[in-house]
Amino acid sequence: MNRRILMLTMLVAAAPGLADAASVYKWTDESGVTHFGDRKPTGKNSEQVNVRSGTSRNSDNQRQSPQDQLNELEEQQQAQQQRREESAVEEARRKQREANCETAQSNLRTISSNARIRVEDNGEQRYLSPEEIDEQRRRFEEIADENCGPDTAVPEQR
């Protein structure tokens, strides 16, 4: 019985030392998944984790402070938000150009197919003169040229 108690006491006394001797490493792969292992990964930044306390020691001495991590995260979020806003603005601009193009082409077809165009002017209806029809045709052609061709506008630099 004394022998069992002595063995148990020695085992309990040696257990913290054995647990501390084992190294556990923590690293994150390209997909953002965190891994733990007993061997240091090659070619990856890793931290040696203290199993007893749960704290870690950065084996590569590149650990950022929490404030730096927060600042970096905020910068990433701002950049993502800016990209989303820019793509939304570009999409709205593209849709507006398509609508302008379609309207201008429709108006050109109407002007070309009708000899007389009736408009309402100051509450009274009247017909456009041939000169006014030519002027409207030129205006619609300009709108179609601006909106139906490739987008030549240079994006705004920030």
N, C-alpha and C. Protein backbone atom coordinates (compact mmCIF):
# COMPACT_ATOMS: atom_id res chain seq x y z
N MET A 1 0.81 -1.17 0.00
CA MET A 1 0.00 0.00 0.00
C MET A 1 0.87 1.25 0.00
N ASN A 2 1.92 1.28 0.80
CA ASN A 2 2.83 2.41 0.84
C ASN A 2 3.49 2.63 -0.52
N ARG A 3 3.75 1.54 -1.19
CA ARG A 3 4.38 1.62 -2.49
C ARG A 3 3.43 2.30 -3.49
N ARG A 4 2.15 2.01 -3.45
CA ARG A 4 1.16 2.61 -4.33
C ARG A 4 1.03 4.11 -4.04
N ILE A 5 1.00 4.46 -2.80
CA ILE A 5 0.88 5.87 -2.43
C ILE A 5 2.13 6.63 -2.89
N LEU A 6 3.30 6.02 -2.72
CA LEU A 6 4.54 6.64 -3.15
C LEU A 6 4.55 6.84 -4.67
N MET A 7 4.11 5.84 -5.43
CA MET A 7 4.06 5.94 -6.90
C MET A 7 3.07 7.02 -7.33
N LEU A 8 1.91 7.05 -6.68
CA LEU A 8 0.89 8.03 -7.00
C LEU A 8 1.38 9.44 -6.71
N THR A 9 2.08 9.61 -5.59
CA THR A 9 2.63 10.92 -5.22
C THR A 9 3.67 11.37 -6.24
N MET A 10 4.55 10.47 -6.65
CA MET A 10 5.56 10.80 -7.65
C MET A 10 4.94 11.15 -8.99
N LEU A 11 3.90 10.42 -9.37
CA LEU A 11 3.21 10.69 -10.63
C LEU A 11 2.53 12.05 -10.62
N VAL A 12 1.88 12.37 -9.50
CA VAL A 12 1.22 13.67 -9.37
C VAL A 12 2.25 14.79 -9.37
N ALA A 13 3.38 14.59 -8.76
CA ALA A 13 4.42 15.62 -8.71
C ALA A 13 5.06 15.82 -10.09
N ALA A 14 5.17 14.77 -10.89
CA ALA A 14 5.83 14.86 -12.19
C ALA A 14 4.87 15.32 -13.29
N ALA A 15 3.57 15.19 -13.11
CA ALA A 15 2.59 15.50 -14.15
C ALA A 15 2.69 16.94 -14.67
N PRO A 16 2.77 17.96 -13.82
CA PRO A 16 2.88 19.32 -14.36
C PRO A 16 4.14 19.52 -15.20
N GLY A 17 5.21 18.93 -14.80
CA GLY A 17 6.46 19.04 -15.56
C GLY A 17 6.35 18.35 -16.90
N LEU A 18 5.69 17.20 -16.95
CA LEU A 18 5.52 16.49 -18.20
C LEU A 18 4.58 17.26 -19.15
N ALA A 19 3.53 17.80 -18.58
CA ALA A 19 2.59 18.55 -19.40
C ALA A 19 3.24 19.82 -19.95
N ASP A 20 4.09 20.45 -19.16
CA ASP A 20 4.75 21.67 -19.59
C ASP A 20 5.80 21.38 -20.65
N ALA A 21 6.37 20.21 -20.62
CA ALA A 21 7.43 19.87 -21.57
C ALA A 21 6.87 19.68 -22.97
N ALA A 22 5.62 19.28 -23.10
CA ALA A 22 5.02 19.07 -24.41
C ALA A 22 4.71 20.42 -25.04
N SER A 23 5.11 20.60 -26.29
CA SER A 23 4.85 21.85 -26.99
C SER A 23 3.62 21.68 -27.87
N VAL A 24 2.78 22.68 -27.84
CA VAL A 24 1.60 22.70 -28.70
C VAL A 24 1.69 23.99 -29.51
N TYR A 25 1.52 23.87 -30.82
CA TYR A 25 1.61 25.01 -31.71
C TYR A 25 0.25 25.32 -32.30
N LYS A 26 0.03 26.61 -32.52
CA LYS A 26 -1.24 27.09 -33.08
C LYS A 26 -0.91 27.89 -34.32
N TRP A 27 -1.62 27.64 -35.45
CA TRP A 27 -1.42 28.41 -36.68
C TRP A 27 -2.72 28.46 -37.47
N THR A 28 -2.76 29.39 -38.40
CA THR A 28 -3.95 29.58 -39.24
C THR A 28 -3.54 29.33 -40.69
N ASP A 29 -4.34 28.51 -41.40
CA ASP A 29 -4.02 28.22 -42.80
C ASP A 29 -4.56 29.31 -43.72
N GLU A 30 -4.41 29.12 -45.05
CA GLU A 30 -4.80 30.11 -46.05
C GLU A 30 -6.31 30.35 -46.03
N SER A 31 -7.09 29.36 -45.61
CA SER A 31 -8.54 29.49 -45.58
C SER A 31 -9.04 30.15 -44.31
N GLY A 32 -8.15 30.48 -43.40
CA GLY A 32 -8.55 31.12 -42.16
C GLY A 32 -8.90 30.14 -41.05
N VAL A 33 -8.61 28.85 -41.27
CA VAL A 33 -8.92 27.82 -40.27
C VAL A 33 -7.75 27.71 -39.30
N THR A 34 -8.06 27.73 -38.00
CA THR A 34 -7.03 27.62 -36.97
C THR A 34 -6.75 26.15 -36.68
N HIS A 35 -5.46 25.81 -36.62
CA HIS A 35 -5.03 24.43 -36.35
C HIS A 35 -4.14 24.40 -35.12
N PHE A 36 -4.12 23.26 -34.44
CA PHE A 36 -3.23 23.02 -33.31
C PHE A 36 -2.47 21.73 -33.59
N GLY A 37 -1.20 21.70 -33.19
CA GLY A 37 -0.42 20.49 -33.39
C GLY A 37 0.78 20.46 -32.46
N ASP A 38 1.41 19.26 -32.34
CA ASP A 38 2.56 19.12 -31.47
C ASP A 38 3.86 19.41 -32.19
N ARG A 39 3.79 19.65 -33.51
CA ARG A 39 4.98 20.00 -34.28
C ARG A 39 4.79 21.37 -34.92
N LYS A 40 5.86 22.13 -34.96
CA LYS A 40 5.81 23.45 -35.57
C LYS A 40 5.67 23.28 -37.08
N PRO A 41 4.67 23.93 -37.69
CA PRO A 41 4.49 23.77 -39.14
C PRO A 41 5.61 24.48 -39.90
N THR A 42 6.01 23.90 -41.01
CA THR A 42 7.07 24.52 -41.80
C THR A 42 6.44 25.56 -42.72
N GLY A 43 7.09 26.70 -42.81
CA GLY A 43 6.65 27.75 -43.71
C GLY A 43 5.42 28.52 -43.25
N LYS A 44 5.03 28.38 -42.02
CA LYS A 44 3.84 29.07 -41.51
C LYS A 44 4.21 29.81 -40.22
N ASN A 45 3.54 30.94 -40.00
CA ASN A 45 3.68 31.64 -38.72
C ASN A 45 2.90 30.85 -37.68
N SER A 46 3.51 30.60 -36.56
CA SER A 46 2.84 29.82 -35.53
C SER A 46 3.13 30.39 -34.16
N GLU A 47 2.30 30.02 -33.21
CA GLU A 47 2.48 30.42 -31.82
C GLU A 47 2.61 29.17 -30.98
N GLN A 48 3.49 29.22 -29.99
CA GLN A 48 3.59 28.11 -29.05
C GLN A 48 2.61 28.38 -27.92
N VAL A 49 1.67 27.47 -27.72
CA VAL A 49 0.61 27.66 -26.74
C VAL A 49 1.01 27.02 -25.42
N ASN A 50 0.86 27.77 -24.33
CA ASN A 50 1.09 27.24 -23.00
C ASN A 50 -0.19 26.52 -22.59
N VAL A 51 -0.13 25.22 -22.54
CA VAL A 51 -1.32 24.40 -22.31
C VAL A 51 -1.88 24.62 -20.90
N ARG A 52 -1.02 24.87 -19.96
CA ARG A 52 -1.50 25.03 -18.58
C ARG A 52 -2.27 26.32 -18.38
N SER A 53 -1.81 27.42 -18.93
CA SER A 53 -2.47 28.70 -18.68
C SER A 53 -3.34 29.16 -19.83
N GLY A 54 -3.15 28.58 -21.01
CA GLY A 54 -3.93 28.99 -22.16
C GLY A 54 -3.34 30.21 -22.86
N THR A 55 -2.23 30.74 -22.37
CA THR A 55 -1.59 31.87 -23.04
C THR A 55 -0.68 31.34 -24.13
N SER A 56 -0.24 32.22 -24.99
CA SER A 56 0.63 31.78 -26.08
C SER A 56 1.86 32.65 -26.16
N ARG A 57 2.91 32.07 -26.72
CA ARG A 57 4.12 32.81 -27.02
C ARG A 57 4.28 32.77 -28.53
N ASN A 58 4.44 33.91 -29.11
CA ASN A 58 4.59 33.96 -30.55
C ASN A 58 6.01 33.54 -30.90
N SER A 59 6.12 32.43 -31.61
CA SER A 59 7.45 31.92 -31.93
C SER A 59 8.12 32.74 -33.03
N ASP A 60 7.34 33.54 -33.76
CA ASP A 60 7.92 34.33 -34.84
C ASP A 60 8.08 35.79 -34.45
N ASN A 61 7.75 36.16 -33.22
CA ASN A 61 7.89 37.52 -32.70
C ASN A 61 7.21 38.56 -33.59
N GLN A 62 6.05 38.20 -34.16
CA GLN A 62 5.32 39.12 -35.02
C GLN A 62 3.91 39.35 -34.52
N ARG A 63 3.65 39.14 -33.30
CA ARG A 63 2.31 39.30 -32.73
C ARG A 63 1.95 40.77 -32.67
N GLN A 64 0.74 41.10 -33.14
CA GLN A 64 0.27 42.47 -33.11
C GLN A 64 -0.46 42.73 -31.81
N SER A 65 -0.44 43.97 -31.41
CA SER A 65 -1.20 44.34 -30.23
C SER A 65 -2.69 44.32 -30.59
N PRO A 66 -3.56 44.16 -29.60
CA PRO A 66 -4.99 44.16 -29.89
C PRO A 66 -5.45 45.43 -30.61
N GLN A 67 -4.88 46.57 -30.26
CA GLN A 67 -5.27 47.82 -30.93
C GLN A 67 -4.85 47.80 -32.40
N ASP A 68 -3.65 47.27 -32.69
CA ASP A 68 -3.20 47.16 -34.07
C ASP A 68 -4.10 46.21 -34.86
N GLN A 69 -4.48 45.10 -34.23
CA GLN A 69 -5.38 44.16 -34.89
C GLN A 69 -6.72 44.81 -35.19
N LEU A 70 -7.24 45.58 -34.24
CA LEU A 70 -8.52 46.27 -34.43
C LEU A 70 -8.40 47.29 -35.55
N ASN A 71 -7.31 48.05 -35.56
CA ASN A 71 -7.11 49.04 -36.63
C ASN A 71 -7.03 48.36 -38.00
N GLU A 72 -6.31 47.25 -38.07
CA GLU A 72 -6.18 46.54 -39.33
C GLU A 72 -7.53 46.00 -39.79
N LEU A 73 -8.31 45.46 -38.86
CA LEU A 73 -9.64 44.95 -39.19
C LEU A 73 -10.55 46.07 -39.69
N GLU A 74 -10.51 47.23 -39.03
CA GLU A 74 -11.32 48.36 -39.46
C GLU A 74 -10.92 48.84 -40.86
N GLU A 75 -9.62 48.86 -41.13
CA GLU A 75 -9.14 49.26 -42.46
C GLU A 75 -9.64 48.29 -43.52
N GLN A 76 -9.59 46.99 -43.22
CA GLN A 76 -10.08 46.00 -44.17
C GLN A 76 -11.58 46.17 -44.42
N GLN A 77 -12.33 46.41 -43.35
CA GLN A 77 -13.78 46.60 -43.50
C GLN A 77 -14.08 47.86 -44.31
N GLN A 78 -13.34 48.93 -44.07
CA GLN A 78 -13.55 50.16 -44.84
C GLN A 78 -13.24 49.95 -46.31
N ALA A 79 -12.18 49.21 -46.59
CA ALA A 79 -11.81 48.94 -47.98
C ALA A 79 -12.88 48.10 -48.67
N GLN A 80 -13.41 47.10 -47.97
CA GLN A 80 -14.47 46.27 -48.54
C GLN A 80 -15.72 47.11 -48.79
N GLN A 81 -16.08 47.95 -47.85
CA GLN A 81 -17.26 48.81 -48.00
C GLN A 81 -17.08 49.76 -49.19
N GLN A 82 -15.90 50.31 -49.34
CA GLN A 82 -15.63 51.22 -50.45
C GLN A 82 -15.75 50.48 -51.78
N ARG A 83 -15.23 49.25 -51.85
CA ARG A 83 -15.34 48.46 -53.09
C ARG A 83 -16.80 48.17 -53.41
N ARG A 84 -17.60 47.84 -52.36
CA ARG A 84 -19.02 47.58 -52.59
C ARG A 84 -19.74 48.83 -53.08
N GLU A 85 -19.43 49.98 -52.48
CA GLU A 85 -20.06 51.23 -52.90
C GLU A 85 -19.68 51.59 -54.33
N GLU A 86 -18.40 51.42 -54.66
CA GLU A 86 -17.95 51.73 -56.02
C GLU A 86 -18.63 50.82 -57.03
N SER A 87 -18.75 49.54 -56.72
CA SER A 87 -19.40 48.63 -57.66
C SER A 87 -20.89 48.95 -57.78
N ALA A 88 -21.52 49.39 -56.69
CA ALA A 88 -22.94 49.77 -56.76
C ALA A 88 -23.10 51.03 -57.60
N VAL A 89 -22.20 52.00 -57.47
CA VAL A 89 -22.26 53.22 -58.27
C VAL A 89 -22.05 52.89 -59.75
N GLU A 90 -21.08 52.02 -60.03
CA GLU A 90 -20.82 51.63 -61.42
C GLU A 90 -22.03 50.90 -62.00
N GLU A 91 -22.66 50.04 -61.23
CA GLU A 91 -23.83 49.31 -61.70
C GLU A 91 -24.98 50.28 -61.98
N ALA A 92 -25.22 51.24 -61.09
CA ALA A 92 -26.29 52.22 -61.30
C ALA A 92 -26.00 53.07 -62.54
N ARG A 93 -24.74 53.43 -62.70
CA ARG A 93 -24.36 54.23 -63.88
C ARG A 93 -24.58 53.44 -65.16
N ARG A 94 -24.21 52.17 -65.15
CA ARG A 94 -24.40 51.32 -66.34
C ARG A 94 -25.88 51.19 -66.67
N LYS A 95 -26.72 50.97 -65.66
CA LYS A 95 -28.16 50.84 -65.90
C LYS A 95 -28.75 52.14 -66.43
N GLN A 96 -28.29 53.28 -65.91
CA GLN A 96 -28.78 54.58 -66.39
C GLN A 96 -28.39 54.78 -67.85
N ARG A 97 -27.16 54.41 -68.19
CA ARG A 97 -26.72 54.52 -69.60
C ARG A 97 -27.57 53.65 -70.50
N GLU A 98 -27.87 52.43 -70.08
CA GLU A 98 -28.70 51.54 -70.89
C GLU A 98 -30.09 52.12 -71.09
N ALA A 99 -30.67 52.68 -70.02
CA ALA A 99 -32.01 53.28 -70.14
C ALA A 99 -31.97 54.49 -71.06
N ASN A 100 -30.95 55.34 -70.93
CA ASN A 100 -30.83 56.51 -71.81
C ASN A 100 -30.68 56.09 -73.26
N CYS A 101 -29.88 55.06 -73.51
CA CYS A 101 -29.67 54.56 -74.86
C CYS A 101 -30.98 54.05 -75.46
N GLU A 102 -31.69 53.25 -74.70
CA GLU A 102 -32.95 52.69 -75.17
C GLU A 102 -33.97 53.79 -75.49
N THR A 103 -34.06 54.78 -74.61
CA THR A 103 -35.00 55.88 -74.82
C THR A 103 -34.62 56.69 -76.07
N ALA A 104 -33.34 57.00 -76.21
CA ALA A 104 -32.89 57.77 -77.37
C ALA A 104 -33.14 57.01 -78.67
N GLN A 105 -32.88 55.72 -78.69
CA GLN A 105 -33.13 54.93 -79.89
C GLN A 105 -34.62 54.87 -80.22
N SER A 106 -35.43 54.72 -79.20
CA SER A 106 -36.88 54.70 -79.40
C SER A 106 -37.35 56.04 -79.97
N ASN A 107 -36.86 57.14 -79.41
CA ASN A 107 -37.24 58.46 -79.92
C ASN A 107 -36.76 58.67 -81.35
N LEU A 108 -35.58 58.17 -81.68
CA LEU A 108 -35.08 58.28 -83.06
C LEU A 108 -35.97 57.50 -84.03
N ARG A 109 -36.40 56.31 -83.62
CA ARG A 109 -37.30 55.52 -84.48
C ARG A 109 -38.62 56.27 -84.69
N THR A 110 -39.13 56.86 -83.62
CA THR A 110 -40.39 57.59 -83.72
C THR A 110 -40.25 58.79 -84.65
N ILE A 111 -39.18 59.56 -84.50
CA ILE A 111 -38.98 60.75 -85.34
C ILE A 111 -38.79 60.35 -86.79
N SER A 112 -38.08 59.25 -87.02
CA SER A 112 -37.81 58.82 -88.40
C SER A 112 -39.06 58.26 -89.07
N SER A 113 -39.97 57.68 -88.31
CA SER A 113 -41.14 57.04 -88.92
C SER A 113 -42.32 57.98 -89.11
N ASN A 114 -42.36 59.09 -88.41
CA ASN A 114 -43.49 60.01 -88.51
C ASN A 114 -43.09 61.28 -89.25
N ALA A 115 -43.97 61.69 -90.15
CA ALA A 115 -43.72 62.93 -90.87
C ALA A 115 -44.05 64.13 -90.01
N ARG A 116 -45.02 63.97 -89.14
CA ARG A 116 -45.44 65.08 -88.29
C ARG A 116 -45.38 64.62 -86.83
N ILE A 117 -44.83 65.47 -85.98
CA ILE A 117 -44.71 65.17 -84.55
C ILE A 117 -45.52 66.22 -83.81
N ARG A 118 -46.45 65.74 -82.98
CA ARG A 118 -47.29 66.65 -82.21
C ARG A 118 -46.74 66.73 -80.79
N VAL A 119 -46.66 67.96 -80.25
CA VAL A 119 -46.18 68.19 -78.90
C VAL A 119 -47.16 69.11 -78.19
N GLU A 120 -47.08 69.06 -76.86
CA GLU A 120 -47.90 69.98 -76.07
C GLU A 120 -47.00 71.11 -75.62
N ASP A 121 -47.38 72.32 -75.92
CA ASP A 121 -46.57 73.49 -75.61
C ASP A 121 -47.46 74.51 -74.91
N ASN A 122 -47.18 74.77 -73.62
CA ASN A 122 -47.97 75.71 -72.82
C ASN A 122 -49.45 75.34 -72.80
N GLY A 123 -49.74 74.09 -72.68
CA GLY A 123 -51.12 73.63 -72.59
C GLY A 123 -51.82 73.50 -73.94
N GLU A 124 -51.16 73.86 -75.02
CA GLU A 124 -51.74 73.76 -76.36
C GLU A 124 -50.93 72.77 -77.19
N GLN A 125 -51.64 72.05 -78.03
CA GLN A 125 -50.96 71.09 -78.87
C GLN A 125 -50.64 71.74 -80.21
N ARG A 126 -49.44 71.39 -80.69
CA ARG A 126 -49.00 71.91 -81.98
C ARG A 126 -48.07 70.89 -82.62
N TYR A 127 -47.79 71.07 -83.91
CA TYR A 127 -46.89 70.19 -84.63
C TYR A 127 -45.51 70.84 -84.73
N LEU A 128 -44.47 69.99 -84.62
CA LEU A 128 -43.11 70.50 -84.76
C LEU A 128 -42.84 70.84 -86.22
N SER A 129 -42.06 71.90 -86.43
CA SER A 129 -41.65 72.28 -87.78
C SER A 129 -40.54 71.32 -88.23
N PRO A 130 -40.25 71.25 -89.52
CA PRO A 130 -39.16 70.38 -89.99
C PRO A 130 -37.81 70.73 -89.34
N GLU A 131 -37.58 72.01 -89.09
CA GLU A 131 -36.34 72.42 -88.44
C GLU A 131 -36.29 71.90 -86.99
N GLU A 132 -37.42 71.98 -86.29
CA GLU A 132 -37.48 71.48 -84.92
C GLU A 132 -37.31 69.96 -84.88
N ILE A 133 -37.87 69.27 -85.87
CA ILE A 133 -37.71 67.81 -85.95
C ILE A 133 -36.24 67.47 -86.17
N ASP A 134 -35.57 68.20 -87.06
CA ASP A 134 -34.13 67.96 -87.30
C ASP A 134 -33.31 68.22 -86.03
N GLU A 135 -33.66 69.28 -85.32
CA GLU A 135 -32.96 69.59 -84.08
C GLU A 135 -33.16 68.48 -83.04
N GLN A 136 -34.39 67.99 -82.91
CA GLN A 136 -34.67 66.89 -81.97
C GLN A 136 -33.90 65.62 -82.40
N ARG A 137 -33.89 65.35 -83.71
CA ARG A 137 -33.18 64.17 -84.21
C ARG A 137 -31.69 64.26 -83.85
N ARG A 138 -31.07 65.43 -84.04
CA ARG A 138 -29.65 65.60 -83.69
C ARG A 138 -29.44 65.39 -82.19
N ARG A 139 -30.36 65.94 -81.39
CA ARG A 139 -30.24 65.79 -79.94
C ARG A 139 -30.33 64.32 -79.52
N PHE A 140 -31.28 63.59 -80.09
CA PHE A 140 -31.42 62.17 -79.76
C PHE A 140 -30.24 61.35 -80.27
N GLU A 141 -29.67 61.73 -81.41
CA GLU A 141 -28.49 61.04 -81.93
C GLU A 141 -27.30 61.26 -80.99
N GLU A 142 -27.15 62.47 -80.48
CA GLU A 142 -26.07 62.75 -79.53
C GLU A 142 -26.24 61.92 -78.26
N ILE A 143 -27.46 61.85 -77.75
CA ILE A 143 -27.73 61.06 -76.54
C ILE A 143 -27.42 59.59 -76.81
N ALA A 144 -27.84 59.09 -77.98
CA ALA A 144 -27.58 57.69 -78.33
C ALA A 144 -26.07 57.45 -78.45
N ASP A 145 -25.36 58.39 -79.07
CA ASP A 145 -23.90 58.22 -79.21
C ASP A 145 -23.21 58.19 -77.85
N GLU A 146 -23.67 59.05 -76.94
CA GLU A 146 -23.06 59.10 -75.61
C GLU A 146 -23.34 57.85 -74.78
N ASN A 147 -24.54 57.29 -74.92
CA ASN A 147 -24.97 56.22 -74.02
C ASN A 147 -24.97 54.83 -74.62
N CYS A 148 -24.97 54.71 -75.94
CA CYS A 148 -25.07 53.37 -76.54
C CYS A 148 -23.71 52.77 -76.88
N GLY A 149 -22.67 53.59 -76.95
CA GLY A 149 -21.35 53.08 -77.26
C GLY A 149 -20.65 52.57 -76.01
N PRO A 150 -19.38 52.21 -76.15
CA PRO A 150 -18.63 51.77 -74.97
C PRO A 150 -18.47 52.92 -74.00
N ASP A 151 -18.38 52.57 -72.74
CA ASP A 151 -18.25 53.58 -71.68
C ASP A 151 -16.86 54.17 -71.74
N THR A 152 -16.78 55.45 -72.13
CA THR A 152 -15.47 56.10 -72.28
C THR A 152 -15.15 56.98 -71.09
N ALA A 153 -16.05 57.05 -70.13
CA ALA A 153 -15.79 57.90 -68.96
C ALA A 153 -14.69 57.28 -68.13
N VAL A 154 -13.77 58.10 -67.66
CA VAL A 154 -12.68 57.64 -66.81
C VAL A 154 -13.18 57.60 -65.38
N PRO A 155 -13.03 56.46 -64.67
CA PRO A 155 -13.48 56.42 -63.28
C PRO A 155 -12.76 57.45 -62.43
N GLU A 156 -13.49 58.00 -61.50
CA GLU A 156 -12.94 59.03 -60.61
C GLU A 156 -11.89 58.41 -59.69
N GLN A 157 -10.72 59.05 -59.61
CA GLN A 157 -9.66 58.56 -58.74
C GLN A 157 -9.81 59.18 -57.36
N ARG A 158 -9.64 58.38 -56.32
CA ARG A 158 -9.75 58.89 -54.96
C ARG A 158 -8.43 58.82 -54.28
